[in-house]
N, C-alpha and C. Protein backbone atom coordinates (compact mmCIF):
# COMPACT_ATOMS: atom_id res chain seq x y z
N MET A 1 114.50 106.03 127.91
CA MET A 1 113.34 105.89 127.04
C MET A 1 113.20 107.18 126.23
N SER A 2 112.84 107.01 124.97
CA SER A 2 112.67 108.18 124.11
C SER A 2 111.37 108.91 124.47
N PRO A 3 111.35 110.21 124.27
CA PRO A 3 110.11 110.96 124.53
C PRO A 3 108.93 110.44 123.70
N ASP A 4 109.19 110.02 122.47
CA ASP A 4 108.13 109.51 121.60
C ASP A 4 107.48 108.25 122.19
N VAL A 5 108.31 107.35 122.70
CA VAL A 5 107.79 106.11 123.31
C VAL A 5 107.09 106.44 124.63
N ALA A 6 107.66 107.33 125.42
CA ALA A 6 107.05 107.71 126.70
C ALA A 6 105.67 108.33 126.48
N LEU A 7 105.55 109.16 125.45
CA LEU A 7 104.27 109.78 125.13
C LEU A 7 103.26 108.71 124.70
N GLN A 8 103.67 107.81 123.83
CA GLN A 8 102.77 106.75 123.38
C GLN A 8 102.26 105.94 124.57
N ASP A 9 103.17 105.53 125.46
CA ASP A 9 102.76 104.73 126.61
C ASP A 9 101.78 105.48 127.50
N ALA A 10 102.05 106.76 127.73
CA ALA A 10 101.17 107.56 128.59
C ALA A 10 99.82 107.79 127.94
N ALA A 11 99.79 108.03 126.64
CA ALA A 11 98.52 108.25 125.94
C ALA A 11 97.66 106.99 125.96
N VAL A 12 98.26 105.84 125.70
CA VAL A 12 97.51 104.58 125.74
C VAL A 12 96.98 104.33 127.14
N ALA A 13 97.82 104.54 128.16
CA ALA A 13 97.38 104.33 129.54
C ALA A 13 96.21 105.27 129.88
N ALA A 14 96.28 106.52 129.44
CA ALA A 14 95.21 107.48 129.72
C ALA A 14 93.91 107.08 129.03
N LEU A 15 94.01 106.60 127.80
CA LEU A 15 92.80 106.16 127.08
C LEU A 15 92.17 104.95 127.76
N LEU A 16 92.99 104.00 128.18
CA LEU A 16 92.48 102.80 128.84
C LEU A 16 91.87 103.13 130.21
N ALA A 17 92.40 104.16 130.87
CA ALA A 17 91.92 104.52 132.20
C ALA A 17 90.70 105.44 132.17
N ASP A 18 90.41 106.04 131.03
CA ASP A 18 89.32 107.00 130.94
C ASP A 18 87.97 106.29 130.83
N ALA A 19 87.06 106.63 131.73
CA ALA A 19 85.75 105.98 131.77
C ALA A 19 84.95 106.24 130.49
N GLY A 20 85.04 107.44 129.94
CA GLY A 20 84.30 107.78 128.73
C GLY A 20 84.77 106.98 127.53
N VAL A 21 86.07 106.82 127.38
CA VAL A 21 86.62 106.04 126.28
C VAL A 21 86.30 104.56 126.49
N SER A 22 86.52 104.09 127.72
CA SER A 22 86.27 102.67 128.02
C SER A 22 84.81 102.28 127.80
N ALA A 23 83.89 103.19 128.08
CA ALA A 23 82.48 102.90 127.87
C ALA A 23 82.18 102.67 126.39
N LEU A 24 83.00 103.22 125.52
CA LEU A 24 82.76 103.12 124.08
C LEU A 24 83.54 102.00 123.40
N VAL A 25 84.79 101.76 123.85
CA VAL A 25 85.63 100.75 123.19
C VAL A 25 86.14 99.67 124.13
N GLY A 26 85.78 99.73 125.40
CA GLY A 26 86.31 98.75 126.35
C GLY A 26 87.81 98.90 126.46
N ASP A 27 88.52 97.78 126.39
CA ASP A 27 89.98 97.82 126.47
C ASP A 27 90.63 97.65 125.10
N ARG A 28 89.87 97.92 124.06
CA ARG A 28 90.36 97.72 122.70
C ARG A 28 91.10 98.97 122.19
N VAL A 29 92.27 99.21 122.80
CA VAL A 29 93.19 100.28 122.41
C VAL A 29 94.52 99.61 122.12
N TYR A 30 94.98 99.70 120.87
CA TYR A 30 96.13 98.93 120.43
C TYR A 30 97.16 99.78 119.72
N ASP A 31 98.42 99.35 119.83
CA ASP A 31 99.46 99.89 118.97
C ASP A 31 99.19 99.37 117.56
N ASN A 32 98.94 98.09 117.46
CA ASN A 32 98.58 97.45 116.19
C ASN A 32 97.51 96.41 116.52
N ALA A 33 96.33 96.57 116.01
CA ALA A 33 95.21 95.70 116.38
C ALA A 33 95.46 94.26 115.92
N PRO A 34 95.11 93.30 116.77
CA PRO A 34 95.22 91.91 116.37
C PRO A 34 94.15 91.57 115.34
N GLY A 35 94.37 90.53 114.56
CA GLY A 35 93.38 90.11 113.59
C GLY A 35 92.09 89.70 114.28
N GLY A 36 90.98 90.01 113.65
CA GLY A 36 89.69 89.60 114.17
C GLY A 36 89.17 90.39 115.35
N VAL A 37 89.79 91.52 115.65
CA VAL A 37 89.33 92.34 116.78
C VAL A 37 87.92 92.87 116.49
N GLY A 38 87.11 92.96 117.53
CA GLY A 38 85.76 93.48 117.38
C GLY A 38 85.73 95.00 117.32
N TYR A 39 84.73 95.52 116.65
CA TYR A 39 84.53 96.97 116.55
C TYR A 39 83.70 97.43 117.73
N PRO A 40 83.80 98.67 118.11
CA PRO A 40 84.77 99.68 117.70
C PRO A 40 86.09 99.47 118.44
N TYR A 41 87.16 100.07 117.91
CA TYR A 41 88.45 100.00 118.57
C TYR A 41 89.30 101.19 118.15
N ILE A 42 90.43 101.34 118.87
CA ILE A 42 91.37 102.44 118.65
C ILE A 42 92.74 101.84 118.36
N THR A 43 93.44 102.41 117.38
CA THR A 43 94.83 102.05 117.12
C THR A 43 95.68 103.31 117.04
N LEU A 44 96.97 103.10 117.13
CA LEU A 44 97.91 104.21 116.97
C LEU A 44 98.35 104.26 115.52
N GLY A 45 98.32 105.44 114.96
CA GLY A 45 98.75 105.64 113.58
C GLY A 45 100.17 106.18 113.55
N PRO A 46 100.49 106.90 112.51
CA PRO A 46 101.84 107.45 112.36
C PRO A 46 102.19 108.41 113.49
N SER A 47 103.47 108.49 113.77
CA SER A 47 103.97 109.45 114.75
C SER A 47 105.19 110.14 114.18
N GLN A 48 105.52 111.28 114.77
CA GLN A 48 106.68 112.04 114.32
C GLN A 48 107.26 112.76 115.53
N ALA A 49 108.59 112.80 115.60
CA ALA A 49 109.29 113.56 116.64
C ALA A 49 110.19 114.58 115.96
N VAL A 50 110.05 115.85 116.36
CA VAL A 50 110.83 116.93 115.78
C VAL A 50 111.65 117.57 116.90
N THR A 51 112.95 117.62 116.71
CA THR A 51 113.82 118.22 117.72
C THR A 51 113.47 119.68 117.91
N ASP A 52 113.37 120.08 119.18
CA ASP A 52 113.00 121.46 119.52
C ASP A 52 113.83 121.89 120.74
N ASP A 53 115.15 121.82 120.59
CA ASP A 53 116.04 122.16 121.70
C ASP A 53 116.09 123.66 121.94
N VAL A 54 116.21 124.02 123.20
CA VAL A 54 116.50 125.39 123.60
C VAL A 54 117.68 125.32 124.54
N GLU A 55 118.16 126.44 125.00
CA GLU A 55 119.36 126.46 125.84
C GLU A 55 119.24 125.47 127.00
N CYS A 56 120.16 124.53 127.04
CA CYS A 56 120.29 123.55 128.13
C CYS A 56 119.09 122.61 128.28
N ILE A 57 118.18 122.57 127.32
CA ILE A 57 117.01 121.69 127.42
C ILE A 57 116.87 120.91 126.12
N ASP A 58 116.81 119.59 126.24
CA ASP A 58 116.55 118.73 125.08
C ASP A 58 115.05 118.62 124.92
N GLY A 59 114.52 119.29 123.92
CA GLY A 59 113.08 119.31 123.71
C GLY A 59 112.69 118.63 122.42
N GLU A 60 111.44 118.20 122.37
CA GLU A 60 110.87 117.63 121.16
C GLU A 60 109.43 118.07 121.01
N GLU A 61 109.03 118.23 119.76
CA GLU A 61 107.61 118.30 119.43
C GLU A 61 107.25 116.90 118.96
N ASN A 62 106.26 116.30 119.59
CA ASN A 62 105.85 114.94 119.27
C ASN A 62 104.44 114.97 118.70
N TYR A 63 104.25 114.28 117.60
CA TYR A 63 102.95 114.19 116.96
C TYR A 63 102.54 112.73 116.93
N LEU A 64 101.29 112.45 117.29
CA LEU A 64 100.78 111.10 117.31
C LEU A 64 99.38 111.09 116.72
N GLN A 65 99.17 110.21 115.77
CA GLN A 65 97.83 110.03 115.20
C GLN A 65 97.16 108.88 115.93
N ILE A 66 95.95 109.13 116.38
CA ILE A 66 95.14 108.10 117.04
C ILE A 66 93.97 107.81 116.12
N ASP A 67 93.85 106.54 115.72
CA ASP A 67 92.83 106.14 114.76
C ASP A 67 91.69 105.43 115.47
N VAL A 68 90.48 105.79 115.09
CA VAL A 68 89.25 105.22 115.63
C VAL A 68 88.58 104.44 114.51
N TRP A 69 88.12 103.24 114.81
CA TRP A 69 87.50 102.38 113.81
C TRP A 69 86.13 101.92 114.29
N THR A 70 85.12 102.19 113.51
CA THR A 70 83.76 101.74 113.83
C THR A 70 83.18 101.01 112.63
N GLN A 71 82.22 100.15 112.91
CA GLN A 71 81.55 99.42 111.83
C GLN A 71 80.05 99.49 112.09
N GLU A 72 79.47 100.53 111.54
CA GLU A 72 78.04 100.80 111.75
C GLU A 72 77.39 101.07 110.40
N GLY A 73 77.63 100.18 109.44
CA GLY A 73 77.05 100.37 108.12
C GLY A 73 77.56 101.60 107.41
N GLY A 74 78.76 102.04 107.78
CA GLY A 74 79.35 103.22 107.16
C GLY A 74 78.99 104.53 107.84
N SER A 75 78.09 104.48 108.82
CA SER A 75 77.73 105.70 109.55
C SER A 75 78.96 106.26 110.27
N LYS A 76 79.13 107.55 110.20
CA LYS A 76 80.27 108.20 110.84
C LYS A 76 79.96 108.68 112.25
N ARG A 77 78.72 108.58 112.67
CA ARG A 77 78.31 109.11 113.97
C ARG A 77 79.10 108.48 115.12
N GLY A 78 79.18 107.16 115.15
CA GLY A 78 79.89 106.47 116.24
C GLY A 78 81.35 106.87 116.30
N ALA A 79 81.99 107.00 115.14
CA ALA A 79 83.40 107.41 115.12
C ALA A 79 83.55 108.83 115.68
N LYS A 80 82.61 109.70 115.37
CA LYS A 80 82.66 111.07 115.90
C LYS A 80 82.52 111.08 117.42
N VAL A 81 81.64 110.24 117.94
CA VAL A 81 81.45 110.15 119.40
C VAL A 81 82.74 109.67 120.07
N ILE A 82 83.39 108.66 119.50
CA ILE A 82 84.62 108.14 120.09
C ILE A 82 85.75 109.17 119.96
N CYS A 83 85.85 109.84 118.82
CA CYS A 83 86.87 110.89 118.66
C CYS A 83 86.70 111.97 119.73
N ALA A 84 85.47 112.35 120.01
CA ALA A 84 85.22 113.36 121.04
C ALA A 84 85.66 112.86 122.42
N ALA A 85 85.43 111.59 122.71
CA ALA A 85 85.86 111.02 123.99
C ALA A 85 87.38 110.98 124.09
N VAL A 86 88.05 110.63 123.00
CA VAL A 86 89.51 110.63 122.97
C VAL A 86 90.03 112.05 123.22
N LYS A 87 89.43 113.02 122.55
CA LYS A 87 89.85 114.41 122.75
C LYS A 87 89.67 114.82 124.21
N LYS A 88 88.53 114.49 124.79
CA LYS A 88 88.27 114.86 126.18
C LYS A 88 89.29 114.21 127.13
N ALA A 89 89.69 112.98 126.82
CA ALA A 89 90.64 112.27 127.68
C ALA A 89 92.07 112.81 127.57
N LEU A 90 92.45 113.35 126.42
CA LEU A 90 93.86 113.70 126.19
C LEU A 90 94.15 115.18 126.06
N HIS A 91 93.19 116.01 125.66
CA HIS A 91 93.47 117.43 125.45
C HIS A 91 93.80 118.11 126.78
N ASN A 92 94.99 118.68 126.85
CA ASN A 92 95.50 119.34 128.07
C ASN A 92 95.54 118.41 129.28
N ALA A 93 95.68 117.11 129.03
CA ALA A 93 95.74 116.13 130.12
C ALA A 93 97.07 116.23 130.86
N ALA A 94 97.04 115.85 132.12
CA ALA A 94 98.24 115.84 132.95
C ALA A 94 98.89 114.46 132.85
N LEU A 95 99.35 114.12 131.64
CA LEU A 95 99.97 112.82 131.43
C LEU A 95 101.30 112.75 132.17
N VAL A 96 101.57 111.60 132.76
CA VAL A 96 102.84 111.37 133.43
C VAL A 96 103.68 110.49 132.52
N LEU A 97 104.80 111.04 132.05
CA LEU A 97 105.69 110.31 131.16
C LEU A 97 106.82 109.68 131.96
N ALA A 98 107.35 108.58 131.46
CA ALA A 98 108.43 107.87 132.14
C ALA A 98 109.66 108.76 132.26
N ASP A 99 110.32 108.70 133.42
CA ASP A 99 111.56 109.44 133.63
C ASP A 99 112.58 109.04 132.59
N PRO A 100 113.36 109.95 132.10
CA PRO A 100 113.52 111.34 132.52
C PRO A 100 112.71 112.32 131.67
N VAL A 101 111.67 111.85 131.00
CA VAL A 101 110.90 112.69 130.09
C VAL A 101 109.82 113.46 130.85
N ALA A 102 109.71 114.74 130.55
CA ALA A 102 108.68 115.58 131.17
C ALA A 102 107.77 116.13 130.08
N LEU A 103 106.51 116.20 130.40
CA LEU A 103 105.53 116.74 129.47
C LEU A 103 105.36 118.24 129.73
N VAL A 104 105.51 119.03 128.69
CA VAL A 104 105.30 120.47 128.78
C VAL A 104 103.86 120.80 128.38
N LEU A 105 103.39 120.16 127.31
CA LEU A 105 102.08 120.47 126.74
C LEU A 105 101.58 119.27 125.97
N VAL A 106 100.30 119.00 126.06
CA VAL A 106 99.67 118.02 125.18
C VAL A 106 98.32 118.58 124.77
N GLU A 107 98.05 118.53 123.47
CA GLU A 107 96.78 119.05 122.99
C GLU A 107 96.34 118.27 121.76
N ILE A 108 95.05 118.24 121.58
CA ILE A 108 94.48 117.66 120.37
C ILE A 108 94.35 118.79 119.36
N GLU A 109 95.06 118.65 118.25
CA GLU A 109 95.03 119.70 117.23
C GLU A 109 93.82 119.60 116.33
N SER A 110 93.36 118.37 116.07
CA SER A 110 92.20 118.22 115.19
C SER A 110 91.62 116.82 115.32
N THR A 111 90.35 116.72 114.93
CA THR A 111 89.72 115.42 114.76
C THR A 111 89.01 115.44 113.41
N ARG A 112 88.97 114.30 112.76
CA ARG A 112 88.21 114.21 111.53
C ARG A 112 87.75 112.77 111.35
N VAL A 113 86.71 112.59 110.60
CA VAL A 113 86.15 111.27 110.34
C VAL A 113 85.99 111.14 108.83
N ILE A 114 86.50 110.03 108.30
CA ILE A 114 86.47 109.81 106.86
C ILE A 114 85.88 108.43 106.55
N SER A 115 85.49 108.26 105.31
CA SER A 115 85.02 106.96 104.85
C SER A 115 86.22 106.02 104.70
N ASP A 116 85.95 104.73 104.78
CA ASP A 116 86.96 103.70 104.62
C ASP A 116 86.68 102.96 103.32
N PRO A 117 87.68 102.35 102.69
CA PRO A 117 87.39 101.55 101.50
C PRO A 117 86.34 100.46 101.76
N ASP A 118 86.31 99.94 103.00
CA ASP A 118 85.24 99.02 103.39
C ASP A 118 84.03 99.90 103.72
N GLU A 119 83.02 99.86 102.92
CA GLU A 119 81.88 100.77 103.06
C GLU A 119 81.12 100.61 104.37
N GLN A 120 81.39 99.57 105.13
CA GLN A 120 80.73 99.36 106.42
C GLN A 120 81.48 100.04 107.56
N VAL A 121 82.69 100.53 107.29
CA VAL A 121 83.60 101.05 108.32
C VAL A 121 83.75 102.56 108.19
N ALA A 122 83.81 103.23 109.33
CA ALA A 122 84.17 104.65 109.39
C ALA A 122 85.50 104.76 110.14
N HIS A 123 86.32 105.72 109.74
CA HIS A 123 87.67 105.91 110.29
C HIS A 123 87.78 107.31 110.88
N GLY A 124 87.98 107.37 112.18
CA GLY A 124 88.21 108.64 112.85
C GLY A 124 89.69 108.85 113.04
N ILE A 125 90.12 110.09 112.92
CA ILE A 125 91.54 110.44 113.07
C ILE A 125 91.65 111.59 114.06
N VAL A 126 92.38 111.33 115.14
CA VAL A 126 92.62 112.34 116.17
C VAL A 126 94.11 112.68 116.13
N SER A 127 94.42 113.95 115.95
CA SER A 127 95.81 114.40 115.84
C SER A 127 96.26 115.03 117.14
N LEU A 128 97.24 114.40 117.79
CA LEU A 128 97.75 114.86 119.08
C LEU A 128 99.12 115.49 118.88
N LYS A 129 99.35 116.60 119.56
CA LYS A 129 100.68 117.25 119.58
C LYS A 129 101.10 117.39 121.03
N ALA A 130 102.35 117.05 121.29
CA ALA A 130 102.90 117.23 122.63
C ALA A 130 104.27 117.86 122.53
N ILE A 131 104.61 118.61 123.54
CA ILE A 131 105.96 119.14 123.67
C ILE A 131 106.56 118.48 124.91
N THR A 132 107.73 117.88 124.72
CA THR A 132 108.38 117.16 125.81
C THR A 132 109.79 117.67 126.02
N GLU A 133 110.29 117.40 127.22
CA GLU A 133 111.68 117.68 127.57
C GLU A 133 112.26 116.41 128.15
N GLY A 134 113.53 116.22 127.87
CA GLY A 134 114.16 115.06 128.50
C GLY A 134 115.19 114.41 127.72
């Protein structure tokens, strides 16, 4: 399994298992949301894997965007609350990645909330960085 896929699987599992996140979005955490899904929910956005090899170790820097979607008349407050819960669940978390991938570091680099073209929707963006070996 690639480190990028292992990270995605572990991050989704951690979000689904976290009581704070679940209290806000239930089990609505998706790689790609199905049509007609209820708000609020979380999806995975773009990801990137950058080779970061050192002597005798196959390393990667992995970047994953986690998107938060709320529909509260355009209010950004709910998206900010969910972004904070996602950060709490994943920043410096002890994620267990599928063998043979090992997690060296995982951190939330930033969160931001922006308007959506649909004026009723707010879009939160959580930027995750991980360093993996394997």
